[in-house]
C-alpha cells in the first residue's frame, strides 16, 4: 500500500470512528485503489458504502455507546466496531432487532452468532454477506 493510500485509509477510519460517517474524499483514483484492495466498498458514484467494520447504510446492525451511533453491515461488523473503538459499554442491535449489551468490552448476554456464507465467499457479494 502506498503512503497516499495509507493516509486516505487512516482518514476514512478516523472519520468513521469520530462521526459514524466517512469523510468527503476528492482523490477518486486512490479511493478506487482502496476499493480494489477490499479496504472500502464503493457505490456506483464512488461514494464509500463500507469500510469494515463500518457502514453508511441502515440495513445491518447498529452500535450505540457514549452518545454516538455507528453502523455496520451485520452483527459481526457491529462486534468489530465495539472492539475497534475499545467500547467498554455498548448496545448492539442487529437488523432483526436482537439486542446484545456489552459490558467491559464483552457481550453481557448469551447469544449464538451464525454467518450463513463461508468467510472465503464474503467478497463474492459483500453487500449481501
N, C-alpha and C. Protein backbone atom coordinates (compact mmCIF):
# COMPACT_ATOMS: atom_id res chain seq x y z
N UNK A 1 0.85 -1.17 0.00
CA UNK A 1 0.00 0.00 0.00
C UNK A 1 0.90 1.24 0.00
N UNK A 2 0.55 2.21 -0.81
CA UNK A 2 1.35 3.42 -0.91
C UNK A 2 1.10 4.34 0.30
N UNK A 3 1.98 5.31 0.47
CA UNK A 3 1.79 6.29 1.55
C UNK A 3 0.47 7.04 1.38
N UNK A 4 0.15 7.37 0.14
CA UNK A 4 -1.11 8.09 -0.14
C UNK A 4 -2.31 7.22 0.24
N UNK A 5 -2.27 5.94 -0.11
CA UNK A 5 -3.35 5.02 0.24
C UNK A 5 -3.46 4.86 1.75
N UNK A 6 -2.33 4.72 2.41
CA UNK A 6 -2.35 4.59 3.88
C UNK A 6 -2.93 5.83 4.54
N UNK A 7 -2.57 7.00 4.04
CA UNK A 7 -3.09 8.25 4.62
C UNK A 7 -4.60 8.35 4.41
N UNK A 8 -5.08 8.01 3.23
CA UNK A 8 -6.52 8.06 2.98
C UNK A 8 -7.25 7.02 3.81
N UNK A 9 -6.69 5.84 3.89
CA UNK A 9 -7.29 4.78 4.73
C UNK A 9 -7.43 5.26 6.17
N UNK A 10 -6.37 5.85 6.68
CA UNK A 10 -6.40 6.36 8.06
C UNK A 10 -7.48 7.44 8.22
N UNK A 11 -7.55 8.35 7.26
CA UNK A 11 -8.54 9.42 7.32
C UNK A 11 -9.97 8.85 7.32
N UNK A 12 -10.21 7.84 6.50
CA UNK A 12 -11.53 7.22 6.41
C UNK A 12 -11.90 6.58 7.74
N UNK A 13 -11.00 5.78 8.29
CA UNK A 13 -11.32 5.09 9.54
C UNK A 13 -11.44 6.06 10.72
N UNK A 14 -10.62 7.09 10.75
CA UNK A 14 -10.74 8.08 11.83
C UNK A 14 -12.07 8.82 11.74
N UNK A 15 -12.52 9.15 10.52
CA UNK A 15 -13.80 9.83 10.37
C UNK A 15 -14.95 8.93 10.82
N UNK A 16 -14.94 7.67 10.41
CA UNK A 16 -15.97 6.74 10.86
C UNK A 16 -15.96 6.62 12.38
N UNK A 17 -14.79 6.49 12.98
CA UNK A 17 -14.69 6.36 14.42
C UNK A 17 -15.22 7.60 15.13
N UNK A 18 -14.90 8.76 14.61
CA UNK A 18 -15.30 10.02 15.25
C UNK A 18 -16.76 10.37 15.03
N UNK A 19 -17.27 10.14 13.81
CA UNK A 19 -18.59 10.66 13.46
C UNK A 19 -19.60 9.59 13.04
N UNK A 20 -19.13 8.38 12.76
CA UNK A 20 -20.02 7.35 12.24
C UNK A 20 -20.24 7.47 10.74
N UNK A 21 -19.57 8.41 10.10
CA UNK A 21 -19.72 8.64 8.66
C UNK A 21 -18.33 8.74 8.02
N UNK A 22 -18.25 8.43 6.73
CA UNK A 22 -16.97 8.58 6.04
C UNK A 22 -16.71 10.06 5.73
N UNK A 23 -15.47 10.42 5.52
CA UNK A 23 -15.16 11.80 5.17
C UNK A 23 -15.42 12.05 3.69
N UNK A 24 -15.53 13.29 3.29
CA UNK A 24 -15.55 13.56 1.85
C UNK A 24 -14.15 13.26 1.29
N UNK A 25 -14.12 12.63 0.14
CA UNK A 25 -12.84 12.25 -0.47
C UNK A 25 -12.82 12.81 -1.89
N UNK A 26 -11.77 13.58 -2.19
CA UNK A 26 -11.67 14.14 -3.54
C UNK A 26 -10.58 13.46 -4.37
N UNK A 27 -10.02 12.37 -3.87
CA UNK A 27 -8.99 11.63 -4.58
C UNK A 27 -9.59 10.31 -5.05
N UNK A 28 -10.35 10.36 -6.15
CA UNK A 28 -11.08 9.19 -6.64
C UNK A 28 -10.16 8.03 -7.02
N UNK A 29 -9.01 8.31 -7.58
CA UNK A 29 -8.11 7.24 -8.00
C UNK A 29 -7.61 6.44 -6.80
N UNK A 30 -7.21 7.13 -5.75
CA UNK A 30 -6.73 6.44 -4.56
C UNK A 30 -7.87 5.70 -3.88
N UNK A 31 -9.05 6.30 -3.86
CA UNK A 31 -10.21 5.65 -3.27
C UNK A 31 -10.55 4.36 -4.02
N UNK A 32 -10.53 4.41 -5.35
CA UNK A 32 -10.80 3.20 -6.15
C UNK A 32 -9.71 2.14 -5.91
N UNK A 33 -8.49 2.58 -5.70
CA UNK A 33 -7.43 1.63 -5.39
C UNK A 33 -7.70 0.93 -4.06
N UNK A 34 -8.16 1.69 -3.07
CA UNK A 34 -8.52 1.08 -1.78
C UNK A 34 -9.67 0.10 -1.95
N UNK A 35 -10.62 0.42 -2.82
CA UNK A 35 -11.73 -0.49 -3.08
C UNK A 35 -11.23 -1.78 -3.72
N UNK A 36 -10.29 -1.67 -4.65
CA UNK A 36 -9.73 -2.85 -5.30
C UNK A 36 -8.99 -3.74 -4.30
N UNK A 37 -8.50 -3.14 -3.22
CA UNK A 37 -7.78 -3.89 -2.17
C UNK A 37 -8.71 -4.34 -1.05
N UNK A 38 -10.02 -4.14 -1.22
CA UNK A 38 -11.04 -4.52 -0.24
C UNK A 38 -10.92 -3.75 1.08
N UNK A 39 -10.40 -2.55 1.03
CA UNK A 39 -10.35 -1.69 2.22
C UNK A 39 -11.68 -0.98 2.37
N UNK A 40 -12.28 -0.58 1.26
CA UNK A 40 -13.59 0.08 1.26
C UNK A 40 -14.46 -0.56 0.19
N UNK A 41 -15.76 -0.33 0.31
CA UNK A 41 -16.72 -0.71 -0.72
C UNK A 41 -17.36 0.58 -1.20
N UNK A 42 -17.41 0.75 -2.52
CA UNK A 42 -17.96 1.97 -3.10
C UNK A 42 -19.27 1.68 -3.83
N UNK A 43 -20.12 2.72 -3.91
CA UNK A 43 -21.33 2.59 -4.72
C UNK A 43 -21.01 3.02 -6.16
N UNK A 44 -22.04 3.10 -7.00
CA UNK A 44 -21.83 3.43 -8.42
C UNK A 44 -21.22 4.81 -8.61
N UNK A 45 -21.43 5.71 -7.65
CA UNK A 45 -20.90 7.08 -7.75
C UNK A 45 -19.57 7.24 -7.02
N UNK A 46 -18.91 6.12 -6.69
CA UNK A 46 -17.63 6.12 -5.96
C UNK A 46 -17.74 6.74 -4.57
N UNK A 47 -18.91 6.61 -3.94
CA UNK A 47 -19.06 7.03 -2.54
C UNK A 47 -18.83 5.82 -1.65
N UNK A 48 -18.25 6.04 -0.50
CA UNK A 48 -17.96 4.94 0.42
C UNK A 48 -19.27 4.43 1.02
N UNK A 49 -19.47 3.12 0.90
CA UNK A 49 -20.63 2.44 1.48
C UNK A 49 -20.21 1.67 2.72
N UNK A 50 -19.01 1.09 2.66
CA UNK A 50 -18.48 0.32 3.78
C UNK A 50 -16.97 0.49 3.85
N UNK A 51 -16.49 0.49 5.07
CA UNK A 51 -15.06 0.36 5.37
C UNK A 51 -15.06 -0.49 6.64
N UNK A 52 -15.00 -1.78 6.42
CA UNK A 52 -15.23 -2.71 7.52
C UNK A 52 -14.40 -2.43 8.75
N UNK A 53 -15.06 -2.37 9.88
CA UNK A 53 -16.40 -2.85 10.17
C UNK A 53 -17.51 -1.80 10.00
N UNK A 54 -17.20 -0.62 9.54
CA UNK A 54 -18.18 0.46 9.46
C UNK A 54 -18.98 0.42 8.16
N UNK A 55 -20.21 0.95 8.22
CA UNK A 55 -21.06 1.06 7.04
C UNK A 55 -21.81 2.39 7.10
N UNK A 56 -22.31 2.80 5.94
CA UNK A 56 -23.05 4.05 5.87
C UNK A 56 -24.55 3.82 5.78
N UNK A 57 -24.99 2.58 5.67
CA UNK A 57 -26.41 2.27 5.49
C UNK A 57 -27.04 1.77 6.78
N UNK A 58 -28.36 1.72 6.79
CA UNK A 58 -29.11 1.28 7.97
C UNK A 58 -29.66 -0.13 7.82
N UNK A 59 -29.16 -0.90 6.88
CA UNK A 59 -29.69 -2.23 6.63
C UNK A 59 -29.08 -3.31 7.51
N UNK A 60 -28.06 -3.00 8.26
CA UNK A 60 -27.36 -4.01 9.03
C UNK A 60 -27.56 -3.87 10.52
N UNK A 61 -26.49 -3.69 11.25
CA UNK A 61 -26.52 -3.60 12.70
C UNK A 61 -26.10 -2.20 13.14
N UNK A 62 -26.47 -1.88 14.36
CA UNK A 62 -26.18 -0.56 14.91
C UNK A 62 -25.47 -0.74 16.26
N UNK A 63 -24.51 0.13 16.53
CA UNK A 63 -23.82 0.16 17.82
C UNK A 63 -24.09 1.51 18.45
N UNK A 64 -24.56 1.48 19.70
CA UNK A 64 -24.82 2.72 20.42
C UNK A 64 -23.97 2.73 21.69
N UNK A 65 -23.21 3.81 21.86
CA UNK A 65 -22.36 3.95 23.03
C UNK A 65 -21.87 5.39 23.11
N UNK A 66 -21.61 5.86 24.32
CA UNK A 66 -21.05 7.20 24.52
C UNK A 66 -21.85 8.30 23.83
N UNK A 67 -23.15 8.09 23.65
CA UNK A 67 -23.98 9.08 22.99
C UNK A 67 -23.82 9.13 21.49
N UNK A 68 -23.17 8.13 20.91
CA UNK A 68 -22.95 8.06 19.47
C UNK A 68 -23.58 6.80 18.90
N UNK A 69 -23.75 6.79 17.59
CA UNK A 69 -24.23 5.61 16.88
C UNK A 69 -23.30 5.34 15.70
N UNK A 70 -22.91 4.09 15.58
CA UNK A 70 -22.12 3.62 14.44
C UNK A 70 -22.92 2.50 13.78
N UNK A 71 -22.73 2.32 12.48
CA UNK A 71 -23.43 1.27 11.75
C UNK A 71 -22.45 0.30 11.13
N UNK A 72 -22.87 -0.95 11.11
CA UNK A 72 -22.12 -2.00 10.43
C UNK A 72 -23.06 -2.76 9.53
N UNK A 73 -22.51 -3.50 8.59
CA UNK A 73 -23.36 -4.23 7.65
C UNK A 73 -24.05 -5.43 8.28
N UNK A 74 -23.49 -5.92 9.39
CA UNK A 74 -24.09 -7.08 10.06
C UNK A 74 -23.63 -7.07 11.52
N UNK A 75 -24.14 -8.03 12.29
CA UNK A 75 -23.78 -8.12 13.70
C UNK A 75 -22.27 -8.35 13.88
N UNK A 76 -21.68 -9.13 12.97
CA UNK A 76 -20.23 -9.38 13.03
C UNK A 76 -19.47 -8.06 12.98
N UNK A 77 -19.88 -7.18 12.06
CA UNK A 77 -19.25 -5.86 11.96
C UNK A 77 -19.50 -5.04 13.22
N UNK A 78 -20.70 -5.12 13.76
CA UNK A 78 -21.01 -4.36 14.99
C UNK A 78 -20.12 -4.80 16.14
N UNK A 79 -19.91 -6.11 16.26
CA UNK A 79 -18.99 -6.60 17.29
C UNK A 79 -17.59 -6.05 17.03
N UNK A 80 -17.20 -5.99 15.75
CA UNK A 80 -15.90 -5.43 15.38
C UNK A 80 -15.78 -3.96 15.73
N UNK A 81 -16.87 -3.20 15.59
CA UNK A 81 -16.86 -1.79 15.97
C UNK A 81 -16.62 -1.64 17.46
N UNK A 82 -17.31 -2.45 18.25
CA UNK A 82 -17.10 -2.41 19.71
C UNK A 82 -15.64 -2.66 20.04
N UNK A 83 -15.05 -3.66 19.41
CA UNK A 83 -13.64 -4.00 19.67
C UNK A 83 -12.70 -2.92 19.14
N UNK A 84 -12.92 -2.47 17.91
CA UNK A 84 -12.02 -1.49 17.28
C UNK A 84 -12.00 -0.16 18.04
N UNK A 85 -13.14 0.23 18.56
CA UNK A 85 -13.22 1.50 19.29
C UNK A 85 -12.96 1.34 20.78
N UNK A 86 -12.73 0.11 21.23
CA UNK A 86 -12.45 -0.12 22.64
C UNK A 86 -13.61 0.30 23.54
N UNK A 87 -14.83 0.02 23.10
CA UNK A 87 -16.00 0.43 23.87
C UNK A 87 -16.22 -0.51 25.05
N UNK A 88 -16.24 0.04 26.24
CA UNK A 88 -16.48 -0.78 27.43
C UNK A 88 -17.96 -1.15 27.54
N UNK A 89 -18.82 -0.19 27.27
CA UNK A 89 -20.26 -0.43 27.35
C UNK A 89 -20.90 0.01 26.06
N UNK A 90 -21.74 -0.85 25.50
CA UNK A 90 -22.41 -0.55 24.24
C UNK A 90 -23.63 -1.44 24.10
N UNK A 91 -24.52 -1.02 23.21
CA UNK A 91 -25.66 -1.84 22.82
C UNK A 91 -25.54 -2.08 21.33
N UNK A 92 -25.57 -3.34 20.95
CA UNK A 92 -25.56 -3.74 19.54
C UNK A 92 -26.95 -4.23 19.20
N UNK A 93 -27.52 -3.69 18.14
CA UNK A 93 -28.83 -4.13 17.67
C UNK A 93 -28.68 -4.58 16.23
N UNK A 94 -29.05 -5.83 15.95
CA UNK A 94 -28.92 -6.31 14.58
C UNK A 94 -30.16 -5.96 13.77
N UNK A 95 -30.15 -6.29 12.49
CA UNK A 95 -31.23 -5.90 11.57
C UNK A 95 -32.58 -6.50 11.97
N UNK A 96 -32.57 -7.62 12.66
CA UNK A 96 -33.84 -8.24 13.08
C UNK A 96 -34.31 -7.74 14.44
N UNK A 97 -33.55 -6.82 15.04
CA UNK A 97 -33.95 -6.24 16.33
C UNK A 97 -33.38 -6.92 17.56
N UNK A 98 -32.55 -7.93 17.36
CA UNK A 98 -31.91 -8.58 18.50
C UNK A 98 -30.89 -7.63 19.10
N UNK A 99 -30.95 -7.45 20.42
CA UNK A 99 -30.06 -6.52 21.11
C UNK A 99 -29.11 -7.29 22.02
N UNK A 100 -27.85 -6.91 21.95
CA UNK A 100 -26.81 -7.50 22.81
C UNK A 100 -26.14 -6.36 23.55
N UNK A 101 -26.16 -6.44 24.87
CA UNK A 101 -25.46 -5.44 25.68
C UNK A 101 -24.01 -5.87 25.86
N UNK A 102 -23.11 -4.91 25.81
CA UNK A 102 -21.70 -5.14 26.07
C UNK A 102 -21.33 -4.47 27.37
N UNK A 103 -20.62 -5.18 28.22
CA UNK A 103 -20.08 -4.65 29.47
C UNK A 103 -18.61 -5.05 29.52
N UNK A 104 -17.77 -4.10 29.85
CA UNK A 104 -16.32 -4.34 29.89
C UNK A 104 -15.82 -4.89 28.56
N UNK A 105 -16.43 -4.41 27.46
CA UNK A 105 -15.99 -4.78 26.13
C UNK A 105 -16.40 -6.16 25.66
N UNK A 106 -17.24 -6.83 26.44
CA UNK A 106 -17.66 -8.19 26.08
C UNK A 106 -19.18 -8.29 26.12
N UNK A 107 -19.74 -9.21 25.32
CA UNK A 107 -21.19 -9.38 25.39
C UNK A 107 -21.61 -9.78 26.80
N UNK A 108 -22.60 -9.09 27.33
CA UNK A 108 -23.09 -9.41 28.67
C UNK A 108 -24.17 -10.48 28.60
N UNK A 109 -24.71 -10.69 27.43
CA UNK A 109 -25.77 -11.68 27.22
C UNK A 109 -25.19 -12.90 26.52
N UNK A 110 -25.94 -13.98 26.59
CA UNK A 110 -25.54 -15.18 25.86
C UNK A 110 -26.25 -15.18 24.52
N UNK A 111 -25.49 -15.39 23.48
CA UNK A 111 -26.06 -15.42 22.14
C UNK A 111 -25.18 -16.29 21.26
N UNK A 112 -25.78 -16.81 20.21
CA UNK A 112 -25.05 -17.57 19.21
C UNK A 112 -25.11 -16.75 17.93
N UNK A 113 -23.96 -16.56 17.33
CA UNK A 113 -23.88 -15.79 16.09
C UNK A 113 -23.56 -16.75 14.97
N UNK A 114 -24.35 -16.73 13.92
CA UNK A 114 -24.15 -17.64 12.80
C UNK A 114 -24.10 -16.83 11.51
N UNK A 115 -23.08 -17.08 10.70
CA UNK A 115 -22.97 -16.46 9.39
C UNK A 115 -23.24 -17.55 8.36
N UNK A 116 -24.24 -17.34 7.52
CA UNK A 116 -24.67 -18.37 6.57
C UNK A 116 -23.69 -18.54 5.40
N UNK A 117 -22.90 -17.53 5.12
CA UNK A 117 -21.97 -17.58 3.99
C UNK A 117 -20.56 -17.83 4.53
N UNK A 118 -19.85 -18.84 4.02
CA UNK A 118 -18.48 -19.08 4.47
C UNK A 118 -17.59 -17.85 4.23
N UNK A 119 -16.70 -17.58 5.15
CA UNK A 119 -15.84 -16.39 5.07
C UNK A 119 -15.09 -16.29 3.75
N UNK A 120 -14.69 -17.39 3.20
CA UNK A 120 -13.95 -17.38 1.93
C UNK A 120 -14.79 -16.84 0.77
N UNK A 121 -16.11 -16.77 0.96
CA UNK A 121 -17.00 -16.31 -0.11
C UNK A 121 -17.60 -14.93 0.17
N UNK A 122 -17.23 -14.27 1.25
CA UNK A 122 -17.84 -12.99 1.61
C UNK A 122 -17.68 -11.95 0.52
N UNK A 123 -16.52 -11.86 -0.10
CA UNK A 123 -16.30 -10.82 -1.10
C UNK A 123 -16.94 -11.14 -2.44
N UNK A 124 -17.53 -12.32 -2.60
CA UNK A 124 -18.28 -12.61 -3.83
C UNK A 124 -19.47 -11.67 -3.95
N UNK A 125 -20.07 -11.32 -2.81
CA UNK A 125 -21.19 -10.37 -2.77
C UNK A 125 -21.18 -9.72 -1.38
N UNK A 126 -20.21 -8.85 -1.13
CA UNK A 126 -20.00 -8.31 0.20
C UNK A 126 -21.21 -7.52 0.70
N UNK A 127 -21.99 -6.94 -0.18
CA UNK A 127 -23.19 -6.23 0.23
C UNK A 127 -24.25 -7.16 0.80
N UNK A 128 -24.31 -8.38 0.31
CA UNK A 128 -25.26 -9.37 0.82
C UNK A 128 -24.76 -9.99 2.10
N UNK A 129 -23.49 -10.35 2.12
CA UNK A 129 -22.90 -11.06 3.25
C UNK A 129 -23.01 -10.19 4.47
